[in-house]
């Protein structure tokens, strides 16, 4: 019975790692859709979100079932509770990728991103991928030390969003209200995608150490 219990706990981690893989694929394809006005890529992201949602629901059901049947305590209880939180963050990351894909679909056959902003958006897409890859690695390895790095890694995404907004507000912007809205929203969705990757890492730290990241002295 206990072997089955620990297999069920391990399955939570496996599902979380799979969700990070799917979120990475979604944000990569959403970036392609946005920059290249690729309608098929956009639709792939939108339809593929159902699988992320399915895994999120599986984790919810499994977690509540484990709590009801096994009444876990200490480390095991933290594992279950933080898995629920991480799953929710990953589900929202998938949603943000969908929002980006829908911008691309709405503007098709044109690209939603003006030529002079393409390099910034491309870099935001790459940074989003790096963040979710790292989040998946720390979940798989239960690596609290590396998880603490994600907050600093996300600072680059925040800088890129500020750079994007500065370009929009710069004198001489001549792409109109629709492009302004699309670029602003896309930047926000990338930023939020990164924020949720950081949340996943923070929850992992709590799972492993029992402490919230802000309570940990990283210079110790």
N, C-alpha and C. Protein backbone atom coordinates (compact mmCIF):
# COMPACT_ATOMS: atom_id res chain seq x y z
N UNK A 1 0.83 -1.21 0.00
CA UNK A 1 0.00 0.00 0.00
C UNK A 1 0.86 1.26 0.00
N UNK A 2 1.94 1.26 0.84
CA UNK A 2 2.80 2.45 0.90
C UNK A 2 3.56 2.64 -0.40
N UNK A 3 3.93 1.52 -1.07
CA UNK A 3 4.60 1.66 -2.36
C UNK A 3 3.70 2.36 -3.36
N UNK A 4 2.43 1.98 -3.38
CA UNK A 4 1.46 2.62 -4.28
C UNK A 4 1.31 4.09 -3.94
N UNK A 5 1.30 4.40 -2.66
CA UNK A 5 1.18 5.78 -2.20
C UNK A 5 2.34 6.63 -2.72
N UNK A 6 3.56 6.12 -2.60
CA UNK A 6 4.71 6.89 -3.06
C UNK A 6 4.77 6.94 -4.59
N UNK A 7 4.28 5.91 -5.24
CA UNK A 7 4.16 5.97 -6.70
C UNK A 7 3.19 7.08 -7.12
N UNK A 8 2.11 7.22 -6.37
CA UNK A 8 1.14 8.29 -6.66
C UNK A 8 1.76 9.67 -6.43
N UNK A 9 2.58 9.80 -5.39
CA UNK A 9 3.27 11.07 -5.16
C UNK A 9 4.24 11.37 -6.30
N UNK A 10 4.97 10.35 -6.73
CA UNK A 10 5.91 10.54 -7.85
C UNK A 10 5.17 10.91 -9.13
N UNK A 11 3.97 10.37 -9.29
CA UNK A 11 3.18 10.67 -10.49
C UNK A 11 2.79 12.14 -10.54
N UNK A 12 2.60 12.76 -9.38
CA UNK A 12 2.31 14.20 -9.36
C UNK A 12 3.47 14.97 -10.00
N UNK A 13 4.69 14.61 -9.60
CA UNK A 13 5.86 15.29 -10.17
C UNK A 13 5.97 15.04 -11.66
N UNK A 14 5.72 13.82 -12.08
CA UNK A 14 5.80 13.50 -13.51
C UNK A 14 4.81 14.33 -14.32
N UNK A 15 3.62 14.49 -13.80
CA UNK A 15 2.61 15.29 -14.50
C UNK A 15 3.03 16.77 -14.54
N UNK A 16 3.59 17.26 -13.46
CA UNK A 16 4.04 18.66 -13.43
C UNK A 16 5.14 18.89 -14.46
N UNK A 17 6.08 17.98 -14.54
CA UNK A 17 7.16 18.12 -15.52
C UNK A 17 6.60 18.09 -16.94
N UNK A 18 5.62 17.21 -17.17
CA UNK A 18 4.99 17.17 -18.49
C UNK A 18 4.27 18.49 -18.79
N UNK A 19 3.67 19.09 -17.79
CA UNK A 19 3.02 20.39 -17.99
C UNK A 19 4.04 21.46 -18.37
N UNK A 20 5.23 21.42 -17.76
CA UNK A 20 6.25 22.40 -18.15
C UNK A 20 6.67 22.18 -19.60
N UNK A 21 6.76 20.92 -20.01
CA UNK A 21 7.12 20.63 -21.40
C UNK A 21 6.07 21.19 -22.37
N UNK A 22 4.81 20.97 -22.03
CA UNK A 22 3.73 21.46 -22.88
C UNK A 22 3.67 22.99 -22.88
N UNK A 23 3.92 23.60 -21.73
CA UNK A 23 3.91 25.07 -21.66
C UNK A 23 5.04 25.66 -22.50
N UNK A 24 6.18 25.00 -22.47
CA UNK A 24 7.30 25.47 -23.32
C UNK A 24 6.92 25.39 -24.80
N UNK A 25 6.37 24.27 -25.20
CA UNK A 25 5.97 24.12 -26.61
C UNK A 25 4.93 25.18 -26.97
N UNK A 26 3.99 25.42 -26.07
CA UNK A 26 2.92 26.39 -26.34
C UNK A 26 3.48 27.79 -26.53
N UNK A 27 4.38 28.22 -25.66
CA UNK A 27 4.89 29.59 -25.77
C UNK A 27 5.79 29.73 -26.99
N UNK A 28 6.51 28.67 -27.34
CA UNK A 28 7.36 28.72 -28.54
C UNK A 28 6.50 28.85 -29.80
N UNK A 29 5.44 28.07 -29.89
CA UNK A 29 4.57 28.13 -31.06
C UNK A 29 3.75 29.43 -31.08
N UNK A 30 3.40 29.92 -29.91
CA UNK A 30 2.68 31.19 -29.85
C UNK A 30 3.56 32.33 -30.36
N UNK A 31 4.84 32.29 -30.03
CA UNK A 31 5.77 33.32 -30.53
C UNK A 31 5.90 33.24 -32.04
N UNK A 32 5.99 32.03 -32.57
CA UNK A 32 6.03 31.85 -34.02
C UNK A 32 4.76 32.39 -34.67
N UNK A 33 3.62 32.08 -34.07
CA UNK A 33 2.35 32.57 -34.61
C UNK A 33 2.31 34.09 -34.62
N UNK A 34 2.80 34.69 -33.55
CA UNK A 34 2.73 36.15 -33.40
C UNK A 34 3.64 36.85 -34.39
N UNK A 35 4.85 36.37 -34.53
CA UNK A 35 5.83 37.06 -35.38
C UNK A 35 5.66 36.75 -36.86
N UNK A 36 5.23 35.53 -37.16
CA UNK A 36 5.16 35.10 -38.56
C UNK A 36 3.74 35.07 -39.11
N UNK A 37 2.77 35.54 -38.33
CA UNK A 37 1.36 35.48 -38.73
C UNK A 37 1.00 34.06 -39.18
N UNK A 38 1.45 33.08 -38.36
CA UNK A 38 1.28 31.67 -38.68
C UNK A 38 -0.02 31.17 -38.04
N UNK A 39 -1.04 31.07 -38.86
CA UNK A 39 -2.36 30.70 -38.35
C UNK A 39 -2.40 29.27 -37.82
N UNK A 40 -1.68 28.36 -38.47
CA UNK A 40 -1.68 26.98 -38.01
C UNK A 40 -0.99 26.85 -36.65
N UNK A 41 0.08 27.62 -36.44
CA UNK A 41 0.75 27.60 -35.14
C UNK A 41 -0.17 28.15 -34.06
N UNK A 42 -0.88 29.21 -34.40
CA UNK A 42 -1.81 29.79 -33.42
C UNK A 42 -2.88 28.78 -33.04
N UNK A 43 -3.44 28.12 -34.02
CA UNK A 43 -4.49 27.15 -33.73
C UNK A 43 -3.96 25.96 -32.95
N UNK A 44 -2.70 25.57 -33.23
CA UNK A 44 -2.08 24.48 -32.49
C UNK A 44 -1.99 24.80 -30.99
N UNK A 45 -1.62 26.05 -30.69
CA UNK A 45 -1.52 26.47 -29.29
C UNK A 45 -2.89 26.47 -28.63
N UNK A 46 -3.87 27.00 -29.33
CA UNK A 46 -5.22 27.12 -28.76
C UNK A 46 -5.83 25.74 -28.51
N UNK A 47 -5.72 24.85 -29.47
CA UNK A 47 -6.30 23.52 -29.29
C UNK A 47 -5.47 22.68 -28.31
N UNK A 48 -4.16 22.89 -28.30
CA UNK A 48 -3.29 22.12 -27.42
C UNK A 48 -3.45 22.45 -25.95
N UNK A 49 -4.08 23.57 -25.64
CA UNK A 49 -4.27 23.94 -24.24
C UNK A 49 -5.15 22.95 -23.49
N UNK A 50 -5.95 22.20 -24.22
CA UNK A 50 -6.82 21.21 -23.58
C UNK A 50 -6.00 20.15 -22.85
N UNK A 51 -4.83 19.81 -23.37
CA UNK A 51 -4.00 18.80 -22.71
C UNK A 51 -3.39 19.34 -21.41
N UNK A 52 -2.99 20.60 -21.41
CA UNK A 52 -2.50 21.21 -20.17
C UNK A 52 -3.61 21.24 -19.13
N UNK A 53 -4.81 21.60 -19.57
CA UNK A 53 -5.95 21.63 -18.65
C UNK A 53 -6.27 20.24 -18.11
N UNK A 54 -6.13 19.25 -18.97
CA UNK A 54 -6.42 17.87 -18.54
C UNK A 54 -5.44 17.43 -17.45
N UNK A 55 -4.15 17.73 -17.64
CA UNK A 55 -3.15 17.36 -16.64
C UNK A 55 -3.39 18.11 -15.33
N UNK A 56 -3.78 19.37 -15.45
CA UNK A 56 -4.09 20.14 -14.25
C UNK A 56 -5.23 19.49 -13.47
N UNK A 57 -6.24 19.05 -14.19
CA UNK A 57 -7.39 18.40 -13.54
C UNK A 57 -6.97 17.06 -12.92
N UNK A 58 -6.11 16.33 -13.61
CA UNK A 58 -5.62 15.05 -13.06
C UNK A 58 -4.86 15.27 -11.76
N UNK A 59 -4.01 16.30 -11.73
CA UNK A 59 -3.26 16.59 -10.52
C UNK A 59 -4.20 16.98 -9.39
N UNK A 60 -5.19 17.81 -9.69
CA UNK A 60 -6.18 18.19 -8.67
C UNK A 60 -6.86 16.95 -8.09
N UNK A 61 -7.35 16.09 -8.97
CA UNK A 61 -8.09 14.91 -8.51
C UNK A 61 -7.20 13.98 -7.71
N UNK A 62 -5.98 13.77 -8.20
CA UNK A 62 -5.06 12.87 -7.51
C UNK A 62 -4.66 13.42 -6.15
N UNK A 63 -4.39 14.73 -6.10
CA UNK A 63 -3.98 15.35 -4.84
C UNK A 63 -5.07 15.24 -3.78
N UNK A 64 -6.30 15.55 -4.14
CA UNK A 64 -7.39 15.47 -3.18
C UNK A 64 -7.68 14.03 -2.77
N UNK A 65 -7.51 13.12 -3.71
CA UNK A 65 -7.70 11.70 -3.39
C UNK A 65 -6.64 11.23 -2.40
N UNK A 66 -5.39 11.63 -2.60
CA UNK A 66 -4.31 11.25 -1.68
C UNK A 66 -4.56 11.82 -0.28
N UNK A 67 -4.99 13.06 -0.22
CA UNK A 67 -5.25 13.65 1.08
C UNK A 67 -6.40 12.95 1.80
N UNK A 68 -7.41 12.54 1.05
CA UNK A 68 -8.56 11.88 1.65
C UNK A 68 -8.22 10.46 2.12
N UNK A 69 -7.44 9.75 1.31
CA UNK A 69 -7.17 8.34 1.62
C UNK A 69 -6.00 8.14 2.58
N UNK A 70 -4.96 8.98 2.43
CA UNK A 70 -3.72 8.74 3.16
C UNK A 70 -3.48 9.67 4.35
N UNK A 71 -4.20 10.79 4.40
CA UNK A 71 -4.02 11.77 5.46
C UNK A 71 -2.53 12.07 5.69
N UNK A 72 -1.84 12.54 4.66
CA UNK A 72 -0.39 12.75 4.75
C UNK A 72 -0.05 13.90 5.69
N UNK A 73 1.17 13.86 6.20
CA UNK A 73 1.66 14.92 7.08
C UNK A 73 3.06 15.34 6.61
N UNK A 74 3.52 16.47 7.18
CA UNK A 74 4.89 16.96 6.98
C UNK A 74 5.25 17.04 5.51
N UNK A 75 6.38 16.44 5.11
CA UNK A 75 6.92 16.56 3.75
C UNK A 75 5.91 16.11 2.70
N UNK A 76 5.25 14.99 2.94
CA UNK A 76 4.30 14.49 1.94
C UNK A 76 3.13 15.45 1.75
N UNK A 77 2.66 16.03 2.82
CA UNK A 77 1.56 16.99 2.71
C UNK A 77 2.01 18.23 1.95
N UNK A 78 3.23 18.70 2.22
CA UNK A 78 3.76 19.85 1.47
C UNK A 78 3.87 19.51 -0.01
N UNK A 79 4.31 18.30 -0.31
CA UNK A 79 4.42 17.88 -1.71
C UNK A 79 3.07 17.96 -2.42
N UNK A 80 2.05 17.49 -1.76
CA UNK A 80 0.71 17.48 -2.38
C UNK A 80 0.17 18.89 -2.54
N UNK A 81 0.26 19.69 -1.49
CA UNK A 81 -0.29 21.05 -1.54
C UNK A 81 0.45 21.90 -2.55
N UNK A 82 1.79 21.83 -2.55
CA UNK A 82 2.54 22.65 -3.50
C UNK A 82 2.36 22.15 -4.93
N UNK A 83 2.12 20.86 -5.11
CA UNK A 83 1.82 20.36 -6.46
C UNK A 83 0.56 20.99 -7.00
N UNK A 84 -0.45 21.16 -6.14
CA UNK A 84 -1.67 21.83 -6.55
C UNK A 84 -1.39 23.27 -7.00
N UNK A 85 -0.57 23.97 -6.23
CA UNK A 85 -0.24 25.36 -6.57
C UNK A 85 0.56 25.43 -7.88
N UNK A 86 1.55 24.56 -8.01
CA UNK A 86 2.38 24.57 -9.23
C UNK A 86 1.54 24.24 -10.45
N UNK A 87 0.65 23.27 -10.30
CA UNK A 87 -0.21 22.90 -11.42
C UNK A 87 -1.07 24.09 -11.86
N UNK A 88 -1.60 24.82 -10.89
CA UNK A 88 -2.39 26.01 -11.23
C UNK A 88 -1.58 27.05 -11.96
N UNK A 89 -0.34 27.27 -11.53
CA UNK A 89 0.52 28.23 -12.23
C UNK A 89 0.82 27.78 -13.65
N UNK A 90 1.10 26.51 -13.82
CA UNK A 90 1.41 26.00 -15.16
C UNK A 90 0.19 26.07 -16.08
N UNK A 91 -0.97 25.83 -15.51
CA UNK A 91 -2.20 25.95 -16.30
C UNK A 91 -2.37 27.38 -16.79
N UNK A 92 -2.07 28.35 -15.93
CA UNK A 92 -2.19 29.75 -16.33
C UNK A 92 -1.12 30.13 -17.34
N UNK A 93 0.05 29.52 -17.26
CA UNK A 93 1.07 29.76 -18.29
C UNK A 93 0.56 29.33 -19.66
N UNK A 94 -0.11 28.18 -19.69
CA UNK A 94 -0.72 27.74 -20.94
C UNK A 94 -1.75 28.74 -21.44
N UNK A 95 -2.53 29.30 -20.51
CA UNK A 95 -3.53 30.29 -20.89
C UNK A 95 -2.88 31.53 -21.50
N UNK A 96 -1.76 31.97 -20.94
CA UNK A 96 -1.08 33.16 -21.48
C UNK A 96 -0.55 32.89 -22.88
N UNK A 97 -0.06 31.68 -23.11
CA UNK A 97 0.36 31.33 -24.47
C UNK A 97 -0.83 31.38 -25.43
N UNK A 98 -1.98 30.91 -24.96
CA UNK A 98 -3.19 30.95 -25.78
C UNK A 98 -3.57 32.40 -26.09
N UNK A 99 -3.49 33.28 -25.11
CA UNK A 99 -3.82 34.69 -25.35
C UNK A 99 -2.93 35.28 -26.44
N UNK A 100 -1.65 34.93 -26.41
CA UNK A 100 -0.72 35.43 -27.44
C UNK A 100 -1.12 34.87 -28.81
N UNK A 101 -1.43 33.57 -28.83
CA UNK A 101 -1.84 32.95 -30.10
C UNK A 101 -3.11 33.58 -30.65
N UNK A 102 -4.01 33.98 -29.78
CA UNK A 102 -5.26 34.59 -30.23
C UNK A 102 -5.02 35.99 -30.81
N UNK A 103 -4.03 36.69 -30.29
CA UNK A 103 -3.66 37.97 -30.91
C UNK A 103 -3.21 37.72 -32.34
N UNK A 104 -2.36 36.71 -32.51
CA UNK A 104 -1.87 36.38 -33.85
C UNK A 104 -3.01 35.99 -34.77
N UNK A 105 -3.94 35.18 -34.26
CA UNK A 105 -5.06 34.73 -35.09
C UNK A 105 -5.96 35.89 -35.48
N UNK A 106 -6.17 36.81 -34.56
CA UNK A 106 -7.04 37.95 -34.83
C UNK A 106 -6.46 38.86 -35.91
N UNK A 107 -5.15 39.00 -35.93
CA UNK A 107 -4.52 39.91 -36.90
C UNK A 107 -4.15 39.24 -38.23
N UNK A 108 -4.28 37.92 -38.29
CA UNK A 108 -3.95 37.21 -39.53
C UNK A 108 -4.77 37.76 -40.70
N UNK A 109 -4.17 37.94 -41.89
CA UNK A 109 -2.86 37.47 -42.35
C UNK A 109 -1.69 38.42 -42.05
N UNK A 110 -1.96 39.52 -41.36
CA UNK A 110 -0.88 40.43 -41.00
C UNK A 110 -0.21 39.98 -39.70
N UNK A 111 1.02 40.43 -39.50
CA UNK A 111 1.68 40.20 -38.23
C UNK A 111 1.25 41.27 -37.24
N UNK A 112 1.02 40.88 -36.00
CA UNK A 112 0.59 41.83 -34.98
C UNK A 112 1.75 42.68 -34.47
N UNK A 113 2.98 42.30 -34.80
CA UNK A 113 4.16 42.98 -34.26
C UNK A 113 4.86 43.78 -35.35
N UNK A 114 4.94 45.10 -35.22
CA UNK A 114 5.67 45.92 -36.19
C UNK A 114 7.12 45.48 -36.31
N UNK A 115 7.67 45.70 -37.47
CA UNK A 115 9.02 45.21 -37.78
C UNK A 115 10.06 45.63 -36.76
N UNK A 116 9.99 46.88 -36.29
CA UNK A 116 11.04 47.39 -35.40
C UNK A 116 10.96 46.79 -33.98
N UNK A 117 9.88 46.06 -33.68
CA UNK A 117 9.74 45.45 -32.37
C UNK A 117 9.93 43.93 -32.39
N UNK A 118 10.13 43.39 -33.55
CA UNK A 118 10.20 41.93 -33.68
C UNK A 118 11.34 41.32 -32.87
N UNK A 119 12.49 41.97 -32.84
CA UNK A 119 13.63 41.40 -32.12
C UNK A 119 13.37 41.35 -30.62
N UNK A 120 12.67 42.37 -30.10
CA UNK A 120 12.36 42.38 -28.67
C UNK A 120 11.38 41.27 -28.33
N UNK A 121 10.34 41.12 -29.14
CA UNK A 121 9.34 40.08 -28.88
C UNK A 121 9.96 38.69 -29.03
N UNK A 122 10.82 38.54 -30.01
CA UNK A 122 11.49 37.25 -30.18
C UNK A 122 12.32 36.92 -28.94
N UNK A 123 13.01 37.91 -28.41
CA UNK A 123 13.81 37.70 -27.20
C UNK A 123 12.91 37.37 -26.00
N UNK A 124 11.75 38.00 -25.92
CA UNK A 124 10.82 37.67 -24.85
C UNK A 124 10.34 36.23 -24.96
N UNK A 125 10.10 35.79 -26.18
CA UNK A 125 9.70 34.41 -26.38
C UNK A 125 10.78 33.44 -25.95
N UNK A 126 12.02 33.74 -26.32
CA UNK A 126 13.15 32.88 -25.92
C UNK A 126 13.31 32.87 -24.40
N UNK A 127 13.17 34.04 -23.78
CA UNK A 127 13.31 34.11 -22.32
C UNK A 127 12.20 33.32 -21.63
N UNK A 128 10.99 33.38 -22.17
CA UNK A 128 9.89 32.61 -21.61
C UNK A 128 10.20 31.11 -21.66
N UNK A 129 10.75 30.67 -22.79
CA UNK A 129 11.12 29.26 -22.91
C UNK A 129 12.18 28.87 -21.89
N UNK A 130 13.20 29.70 -21.74
CA UNK A 130 14.27 29.40 -20.78
C UNK A 130 13.74 29.29 -19.36
N UNK A 131 12.80 30.18 -19.02
CA UNK A 131 12.23 30.17 -17.67
C UNK A 131 11.44 28.89 -17.41
N UNK A 132 10.65 28.47 -18.36
CA UNK A 132 9.83 27.28 -18.12
C UNK A 132 10.68 26.01 -18.18
N UNK A 133 11.73 26.02 -18.99
CA UNK A 133 12.66 24.88 -19.00
C UNK A 133 13.32 24.74 -17.63
N UNK A 134 13.78 25.86 -17.09
CA UNK A 134 14.44 25.82 -15.79
C UNK A 134 13.46 25.41 -14.69
N UNK A 135 12.23 25.91 -14.78
CA UNK A 135 11.21 25.51 -13.81
C UNK A 135 11.00 23.99 -13.85
N UNK A 136 10.93 23.43 -15.06
CA UNK A 136 10.76 21.99 -15.19
C UNK A 136 11.93 21.22 -14.60
N UNK A 137 13.14 21.73 -14.81
CA UNK A 137 14.33 21.06 -14.28
C UNK A 137 14.33 21.05 -12.75
N UNK A 138 13.98 22.19 -12.15
CA UNK A 138 14.02 22.23 -10.68
C UNK A 138 12.92 21.37 -10.07
N UNK A 139 11.78 21.27 -10.75
CA UNK A 139 10.72 20.39 -10.26
C UNK A 139 11.17 18.93 -10.36
N UNK A 140 11.72 18.56 -11.48
CA UNK A 140 12.15 17.18 -11.69
C UNK A 140 13.23 16.77 -10.69
N UNK A 141 14.20 17.67 -10.46
CA UNK A 141 15.33 17.37 -9.59
C UNK A 141 15.11 17.78 -8.14
N UNK A 142 13.98 18.43 -7.88
CA UNK A 142 13.72 19.00 -6.55
C UNK A 142 14.93 19.83 -6.08
N UNK A 143 15.35 20.70 -6.96
CA UNK A 143 16.57 21.48 -6.77
C UNK A 143 16.20 22.87 -6.25
N UNK A 144 16.13 23.00 -4.94
CA UNK A 144 15.72 24.27 -4.34
C UNK A 144 16.75 25.37 -4.58
N UNK A 145 18.02 25.01 -4.61
CA UNK A 145 19.07 26.02 -4.81
C UNK A 145 18.94 26.69 -6.17
N UNK A 146 18.76 25.89 -7.21
CA UNK A 146 18.60 26.46 -8.54
C UNK A 146 17.26 27.18 -8.67
N UNK A 147 16.24 26.69 -7.98
CA UNK A 147 14.93 27.34 -8.03
C UNK A 147 15.01 28.79 -7.57
N UNK A 148 15.89 29.07 -6.62
CA UNK A 148 16.02 30.43 -6.11
C UNK A 148 16.57 31.39 -7.16
N UNK A 149 17.14 30.86 -8.24
CA UNK A 149 17.72 31.71 -9.29
C UNK A 149 16.66 32.28 -10.23
N UNK A 150 15.48 31.67 -10.24
CA UNK A 150 14.51 32.06 -11.26
C UNK A 150 14.00 33.49 -11.10
N UNK A 151 13.94 33.96 -9.88
CA UNK A 151 13.48 35.33 -9.68
C UNK A 151 14.40 36.32 -10.39
N UNK A 152 15.71 36.11 -10.26
CA UNK A 152 16.67 36.98 -10.97
C UNK A 152 16.60 36.75 -12.47
N UNK A 153 16.39 35.51 -12.89
CA UNK A 153 16.26 35.22 -14.33
C UNK A 153 15.07 35.97 -14.92
N UNK A 154 14.01 36.09 -14.14
CA UNK A 154 12.80 36.76 -14.63
C UNK A 154 12.99 38.27 -14.77
N UNK A 155 14.00 38.82 -14.10
CA UNK A 155 14.25 40.26 -14.23
C UNK A 155 14.50 40.65 -15.68
N UNK A 156 15.10 39.74 -16.45
CA UNK A 156 15.36 40.03 -17.87
C UNK A 156 14.04 40.18 -18.63
N UNK A 157 13.08 39.36 -18.31
CA UNK A 157 11.77 39.48 -18.96
C UNK A 157 11.14 40.83 -18.62
N UNK A 158 11.25 41.24 -17.37
CA UNK A 158 10.69 42.53 -16.96
C UNK A 158 11.36 43.68 -17.70
N UNK A 159 12.68 43.59 -17.88
CA UNK A 159 13.40 44.64 -18.61
C UNK A 159 12.96 44.68 -20.07
N UNK A 160 12.76 43.52 -20.66
CA UNK A 160 12.32 43.48 -22.06
C UNK A 160 10.93 44.10 -22.21
N UNK A 161 10.05 43.84 -21.27
CA UNK A 161 8.72 44.45 -21.36
C UNK A 161 8.80 45.96 -21.23
N UNK A 162 9.63 46.44 -20.32
CA UNK A 162 9.79 47.90 -20.20
C UNK A 162 10.34 48.49 -21.49
N UNK A 163 11.28 47.78 -22.10
CA UNK A 163 11.86 48.24 -23.37
C UNK A 163 10.78 48.30 -24.45
N UNK A 164 9.90 47.32 -24.47
CA UNK A 164 8.81 47.28 -25.44
C UNK A 164 7.90 48.49 -25.25
N UNK A 165 7.54 48.77 -24.01
CA UNK A 165 6.65 49.90 -23.73
C UNK A 165 7.32 51.23 -24.05
N UNK A 166 8.61 51.32 -23.78
CA UNK A 166 9.32 52.56 -24.10
C UNK A 166 9.31 52.84 -25.60
N UNK A 167 9.41 51.78 -26.39
CA UNK A 167 9.39 51.96 -27.86
C UNK A 167 8.01 52.41 -28.33
N UNK A 168 6.97 51.89 -27.71
CA UNK A 168 5.61 52.29 -28.07
C UNK A 168 5.37 53.76 -27.74
N UNK A 169 5.88 54.18 -26.59
CA UNK A 169 5.63 55.55 -26.12
C UNK A 169 6.58 56.57 -26.73
N UNK A 170 7.58 56.10 -27.43
CA UNK A 170 8.56 57.01 -28.02
C UNK A 170 7.90 57.87 -29.11
N UNK A 171 8.33 59.09 -29.18
CA UNK A 171 7.81 60.00 -30.21
C UNK A 171 8.10 59.43 -31.59
N UNK A 172 7.12 59.46 -32.45
CA UNK A 172 7.29 58.93 -33.79
C UNK A 172 6.60 57.59 -34.00
N UNK A 173 6.04 57.02 -32.93
CA UNK A 173 5.27 55.77 -33.09
C UNK A 173 4.08 56.04 -33.99
N UNK A 174 3.96 55.27 -35.05
CA UNK A 174 2.94 55.57 -36.06
C UNK A 174 2.15 54.34 -36.49
N UNK A 175 1.98 53.39 -35.58
CA UNK A 175 1.31 52.15 -35.96
C UNK A 175 -0.14 52.08 -35.49
N UNK A 176 -0.62 53.13 -34.86
CA UNK A 176 -2.04 53.19 -34.54
C UNK A 176 -2.42 52.48 -33.25
N UNK A 177 -3.71 52.62 -32.92
CA UNK A 177 -4.23 52.11 -31.65
C UNK A 177 -4.23 50.59 -31.60
N UNK A 178 -4.63 49.94 -32.70
CA UNK A 178 -4.74 48.49 -32.69
C UNK A 178 -3.39 47.83 -32.43
N UNK A 179 -2.36 48.30 -33.13
CA UNK A 179 -1.02 47.74 -32.91
C UNK A 179 -0.53 48.03 -31.50
N UNK A 180 -0.84 49.22 -31.00
CA UNK A 180 -0.45 49.57 -29.63
C UNK A 180 -1.06 48.60 -28.63
N UNK A 181 -2.34 48.32 -28.80
CA UNK A 181 -3.03 47.39 -27.90
C UNK A 181 -2.45 45.98 -28.01
N UNK A 182 -2.23 45.52 -29.23
CA UNK A 182 -1.71 44.17 -29.43
C UNK A 182 -0.33 44.00 -28.81
N UNK A 183 0.55 44.95 -29.05
CA UNK A 183 1.91 44.86 -28.53
C UNK A 183 1.91 44.94 -27.01
N UNK A 184 1.10 45.84 -26.46
CA UNK A 184 1.02 46.00 -25.01
C UNK A 184 0.51 44.72 -24.35
N UNK A 185 -0.54 44.14 -24.92
CA UNK A 185 -1.09 42.91 -24.36
C UNK A 185 -0.11 41.75 -24.48
N UNK A 186 0.52 41.63 -25.64
CA UNK A 186 1.49 40.54 -25.83
C UNK A 186 2.61 40.65 -24.80
N UNK A 187 3.12 41.86 -24.61
CA UNK A 187 4.17 42.05 -23.62
C UNK A 187 3.73 41.66 -22.23
N UNK A 188 2.50 42.00 -21.89
CA UNK A 188 1.96 41.65 -20.58
C UNK A 188 1.83 40.14 -20.43
N UNK A 189 1.38 39.45 -21.48
CA UNK A 189 1.21 38.00 -21.39
C UNK A 189 2.56 37.30 -21.22
N UNK A 190 3.59 37.77 -21.93
CA UNK A 190 4.92 37.19 -21.74
C UNK A 190 5.41 37.43 -20.31
N UNK A 191 5.20 38.62 -19.81
CA UNK A 191 5.63 38.93 -18.45
C UNK A 191 4.94 38.03 -17.44
N UNK A 192 3.63 37.85 -17.59
CA UNK A 192 2.89 37.01 -16.66
C UNK A 192 3.30 35.54 -16.78
N UNK A 193 3.61 35.10 -17.99
CA UNK A 193 4.12 33.74 -18.19
C UNK A 193 5.37 33.55 -17.33
N UNK A 194 6.29 34.53 -17.40
CA UNK A 194 7.51 34.45 -16.61
C UNK A 194 7.24 34.49 -15.12
N UNK A 195 6.30 35.33 -14.70
CA UNK A 195 5.95 35.42 -13.28
C UNK A 195 5.49 34.07 -12.74
N UNK A 196 4.68 33.37 -13.52
CA UNK A 196 4.18 32.08 -13.05
C UNK A 196 5.29 31.03 -13.01
N UNK A 197 6.27 31.12 -13.89
CA UNK A 197 7.42 30.22 -13.81
C UNK A 197 8.16 30.44 -12.49
N UNK A 198 8.29 31.70 -12.08
CA UNK A 198 8.91 32.01 -10.79
C UNK A 198 8.08 31.45 -9.64
N UNK A 199 6.76 31.56 -9.75
CA UNK A 199 5.90 31.01 -8.71
C UNK A 199 6.09 29.50 -8.57
N UNK A 200 6.22 28.80 -9.70
CA UNK A 200 6.47 27.36 -9.66
C UNK A 200 7.75 27.08 -8.88
N UNK A 201 8.80 27.83 -9.18
CA UNK A 201 10.07 27.64 -8.49
C UNK A 201 9.94 27.95 -6.99
N UNK A 202 9.21 29.00 -6.66
CA UNK A 202 9.02 29.35 -5.25
C UNK A 202 8.30 28.23 -4.49
N UNK A 203 7.29 27.66 -5.13
CA UNK A 203 6.57 26.55 -4.50
C UNK A 203 7.48 25.34 -4.31
N UNK A 204 8.37 25.11 -5.28
CA UNK A 204 9.30 24.00 -5.17
C UNK A 204 10.22 24.19 -3.97
N UNK A 205 10.68 25.43 -3.77
CA UNK A 205 11.53 25.72 -2.62
C UNK A 205 10.80 25.37 -1.33
N UNK A 206 9.55 25.78 -1.24
CA UNK A 206 8.76 25.48 -0.05
C UNK A 206 8.56 23.97 0.12
N UNK A 207 8.31 23.29 -0.98
CA UNK A 207 8.13 21.84 -0.92
C UNK A 207 9.35 21.16 -0.30
N UNK A 208 10.53 21.58 -0.74
CA UNK A 208 11.76 20.91 -0.32
C UNK A 208 12.23 21.35 1.07
N UNK A 209 12.13 22.65 1.34
CA UNK A 209 12.73 23.19 2.56
C UNK A 209 11.73 23.48 3.69
N UNK A 210 10.46 23.64 3.32
CA UNK A 210 9.48 24.06 4.32
C UNK A 210 9.52 25.54 4.60
N UNK A 211 10.32 26.28 3.84
CA UNK A 211 10.44 27.73 4.01
C UNK A 211 10.08 28.42 2.71
N UNK A 212 9.47 29.61 2.84
CA UNK A 212 9.21 30.43 1.66
C UNK A 212 10.51 31.10 1.23
N UNK A 213 10.72 31.30 -0.07
CA UNK A 213 11.99 31.88 -0.53
C UNK A 213 12.38 33.17 0.16
N UNK A 214 11.43 34.05 0.45
CA UNK A 214 11.77 35.33 1.09
C UNK A 214 12.31 35.14 2.50
N UNK A 215 12.04 33.97 3.10
CA UNK A 215 12.52 33.68 4.45
C UNK A 215 13.89 33.03 4.46
N UNK A 216 14.41 32.72 3.25
CA UNK A 216 15.68 32.01 3.17
C UNK A 216 16.81 33.01 2.97
N UNK A 217 17.85 32.87 3.77
CA UNK A 217 19.04 33.72 3.64
C UNK A 217 19.95 33.11 2.58
N UNK A 218 19.91 33.68 1.37
CA UNK A 218 20.69 33.11 0.27
C UNK A 218 22.17 33.36 0.41
N UNK A 219 22.59 34.22 1.37
CA UNK A 219 24.00 34.48 1.58
C UNK A 219 24.60 33.58 2.67
N UNK A 220 23.75 32.77 3.28
CA UNK A 220 24.23 31.93 4.38
C UNK A 220 25.14 30.82 3.88
